[in-house]
C-alpha atoms as a PDB file:
ATOM      1  CA  UNK A   1      82.044  88.424 145.147  1.00  0.00           C
ATOM      2  CA  UNK A   2      80.523  88.702 141.679  1.00  0.00           C
ATOM      3  CA  UNK A   3      76.776  89.164 141.676  1.00  0.00           C
ATOM      4  CA  UNK A   4      74.482  89.525 138.745  1.00  0.00           C
ATOM      5  CA  UNK A   5      72.113  92.504 138.750  1.00  0.00           C
ATOM      6  CA  UNK A   6      69.174  90.638 140.328  1.00  0.00           C
ATOM      7  CA  UNK A   7      71.286  89.380 143.242  1.00  0.00           C
ATOM      8  CA  UNK A   8      72.623  92.899 143.806  1.00  0.00           C
ATOM      9  CA  UNK A   9      69.095  94.272 144.086  1.00  0.00           C
ATOM     10  CA  UNK A  10      68.063  91.544 146.552  1.00  0.00           C
ATOM     11  CA  UNK A  11      71.155  92.111 148.689  1.00  0.00           C
ATOM     12  CA  UNK A  12      70.669  95.906 148.621  1.00  0.00           C
ATOM     13  CA  UNK A  13      67.078  95.453 149.798  1.00  0.00           C
ATOM     14  CA  UNK A  14      68.075  93.194 152.702  1.00  0.00           C
ATOM     15  CA  UNK A  15      71.478  94.576 153.773  1.00  0.00           C
ATOM     16  CA  UNK A  16      71.633  98.314 154.689  1.00  0.00           C
ATOM     17  CA  UNK A  17      75.473  98.436 154.708  1.00  0.00           C
ATOM     18  CA  UNK A  18      75.620  97.011 151.184  1.00  0.00           C
ATOM     19  CA  UNK A  19      73.025  99.597 150.076  1.00  0.00           C
ATOM     20  CA  UNK A  20      75.253 102.401 151.392  1.00  0.00           C
ATOM     21  CA  UNK A  21      78.262 100.940 149.599  1.00  0.00           C
ATOM     22  CA  UNK A  22      76.352 100.891 146.300  1.00  0.00           C
ATOM     23  CA  UNK A  23      75.297 104.517 146.766  1.00  0.00           C
ATOM     24  CA  UNK A  24      78.891 105.597 147.411  1.00  0.00           C
ATOM     25  CA  UNK A  25      80.060 103.631 144.371  1.00  0.00           C
ATOM     26  CA  UNK A  26      77.455 105.366 142.168  1.00  0.00           C
ATOM     27  CA  UNK A  27      78.627 108.764 143.369  1.00  0.00           C
ATOM     28  CA  UNK A  28      82.266 107.883 142.722  1.00  0.00           C
ATOM     29  CA  UNK A  29      81.486 106.676 139.187  1.00  0.00           C
ATOM     30  CA  UNK A  30      80.140 110.130 138.334  1.00  0.00           C
ATOM     31  CA  UNK A  31      83.362 111.958 139.282  1.00  0.00           C
ATOM     32  CA  UNK A  32      85.703 113.365 136.615  1.00  0.00           C
ATOM     33  CA  UNK A  33      88.710 111.448 137.934  1.00  0.00           C
ATOM     34  CA  UNK A  34      86.933 108.108 137.638  1.00  0.00           C
ATOM     35  CA  UNK A  35      85.721 108.855 134.105  1.00  0.00           C
ATOM     36  CA  UNK A  36      89.205 109.991 133.039  1.00  0.00           C
ATOM     37  CA  UNK A  37      90.785 106.867 134.507  1.00  0.00           C
ATOM     38  CA  UNK A  38      88.243 104.644 132.767  1.00  0.00           C
ATOM     39  CA  UNK A  39      88.856 106.400 129.437  1.00  0.00           C
ATOM     40  CA  UNK A  40      92.607 105.998 129.923  1.00  0.00           C
ATOM     41  CA  UNK A  41      92.288 102.244 130.467  1.00  0.00           C
ATOM     42  CA  UNK A  42      90.112 101.944 127.355  1.00  0.00           C
ATOM     43  CA  UNK A  43      92.645 103.784 125.155  1.00  0.00           C
ATOM     44  CA  UNK A  44      95.486 101.729 126.623  1.00  0.00           C
ATOM     45  CA  UNK A  45      93.654  98.496 125.785  1.00  0.00           C
ATOM     46  CA  UNK A  46      93.008  99.725 122.227  1.00  0.00           C
ATOM     47  CA  UNK A  47      96.680 100.601 121.721  1.00  0.00           C
ATOM     48  CA  UNK A  48      97.776  97.186 122.970  1.00  0.00           C
ATOM     49  CA  UNK A  49      95.353  95.567 120.537  1.00  0.00           C
ATOM     50  CA  UNK A  50      96.703  97.667 117.659  1.00  0.00           C
ATOM     51  CA  UNK A  51     100.293  96.758 118.504  1.00  0.00           C
ATOM     52  CA  UNK A  52      99.387  93.078 118.575  1.00  0.00           C
ATOM     53  CA  UNK A  53      97.606  93.345 115.231  1.00  0.00           C
ATOM     54  CA  UNK A  54     100.542  95.149 113.605  1.00  0.00           C
ATOM     55  CA  UNK A  55     102.918  92.519 114.963  1.00  0.00           C
ATOM     56  CA  UNK A  56     100.815  89.697 113.537  1.00  0.00           C
ATOM     57  CA  UNK A  57     100.581  91.392 110.149  1.00  0.00           C
ATOM     58  CA  UNK A  58     104.304  92.060 109.944  1.00  0.00           C
ATOM     59  CA  UNK A  59     104.996  88.409 110.774  1.00  0.00           C
ATOM     60  CA  UNK A  60     102.513  87.317 108.116  1.00  0.00           C
ATOM     61  CA  UNK A  61     103.941  89.535 105.367  1.00  0.00           C
ATOM     62  CA  UNK A  62     107.522  88.685 106.317  1.00  0.00           C
ATOM     63  CA  UNK A  63     107.021  84.967 105.645  1.00  0.00           C
ATOM     64  CA  UNK A  64     107.637  83.439 102.208  1.00  0.00           C
ATOM     65  CA  UNK A  65     104.559  82.217 100.306  1.00  0.00           C
ATOM     66  CA  UNK A  66     103.490  78.631 100.813  1.00  0.00           C
ATOM     67  CA  UNK A  67     104.382  76.053  98.174  1.00  0.00           C
ATOM     68  CA  UNK A  68     100.689  75.308  97.628  1.00  0.00           C
ATOM     69  CA  UNK A  69     100.159  78.794  96.296  1.00  0.00           C
ATOM     70  CA  UNK A  70     102.943  78.430  93.739  1.00  0.00           C
ATOM     71  CA  UNK A  71     101.488  75.163  92.562  1.00  0.00           C
ATOM     72  CA  UNK A  72      98.091  76.732  92.109  1.00  0.00           C
ATOM     73  CA  UNK A  73      99.477  79.544  89.956  1.00  0.00           C
ATOM     74  CA  UNK A  74     101.372  77.043  87.807  1.00  0.00           C
ATOM     75  CA  UNK A  75      98.152  75.143  87.205  1.00  0.00           C
ATOM     76  CA  UNK A  76      96.374  78.349  86.256  1.00  0.00           C
ATOM     77  CA  UNK A  77      99.116  79.214  83.756  1.00  0.00           C
ATOM     78  CA  UNK A  78      98.922  75.743  82.229  1.00  0.00           C
ATOM     79  CA  UNK A  79      95.171  75.942  81.861  1.00  0.00           C
ATOM     80  CA  UNK A  80      95.484  79.349  80.187  1.00  0.00           C
ATOM     81  CA  UNK A  81      97.979  77.982  77.688  1.00  0.00           C
ATOM     82  CA  UNK A  82      95.698  75.099  76.850  1.00  0.00           C
ATOM     83  CA  UNK A  83      92.769  77.426  76.294  1.00  0.00           C
ATOM     84  CA  UNK A  84      94.724  79.561  73.845  1.00  0.00           C
ATOM     85  CA  UNK A  85      95.842  76.521  71.819  1.00  0.00           C
ATOM     86  CA  UNK A  86      92.275  75.270  71.580  1.00  0.00           C
ATOM     87  CA  UNK A  87      90.983  78.625  70.469  1.00  0.00           C
ATOM     88  CA  UNK A  88      93.658  78.780  67.739  1.00  0.00           C
ATOM     89  CA  UNK A  89      92.627  75.366  66.470  1.00  0.00           C
ATOM     90  CA  UNK A  90      88.981  76.402  66.364  1.00  0.00           C
ATOM     91  CA  UNK A  91      89.851  79.502  64.365  1.00  0.00           C
ATOM     92  CA  UNK A  92      91.816  77.407  61.851  1.00  0.00           C
ATOM     93  CA  UNK A  93      88.920  74.992  61.460  1.00  0.00           C
ATOM     94  CA  UNK A  94      86.490  77.837  60.817  1.00  0.00           C
ATOM     95  CA  UNK A  95      88.814  79.333  58.204  1.00  0.00           C
ATOM     96  CA  UNK A  96      89.215  76.018  56.385  1.00  0.00           C
ATOM     97  CA  UNK A  97      85.435  75.441  56.392  1.00  0.00           C
ATOM     98  CA  UNK A  98      84.855  78.857  54.855  1.00  0.00           C
ATOM     99  CA  UNK A  99      87.469  78.194  52.165  1.00  0.00           C
ATOM    100  CA  UNK A 100      85.923  74.840  51.289  1.00  0.00           C
ATOM    101  CA  UNK A 101      82.475  76.380  50.878  1.00  0.00           C
ATOM    102  CA  UNK A 102      83.784  78.882  48.330  1.00  0.00           C
END
């Protein structure tokens, strides 16, 4: 049975056997063995999580890049080329204007 804290308090107030059980449980939780066991389960859970994470990352990095990414980089390269051509044209225009003024 899973009780929330309020239900536990009500049951402990009404049922003397349940109250005794809770007292014994509190005493057991304070023992070194219980604390060590709890710590062990926590570290085990952390290690399992790490292993899972490493597995996911290795799968991710082992896969080839998606075609969408390649396409995007090609577009970027094209746009860069266009920008450089435009800037060259602008420079030429400025030079010719200066020459004409002289």
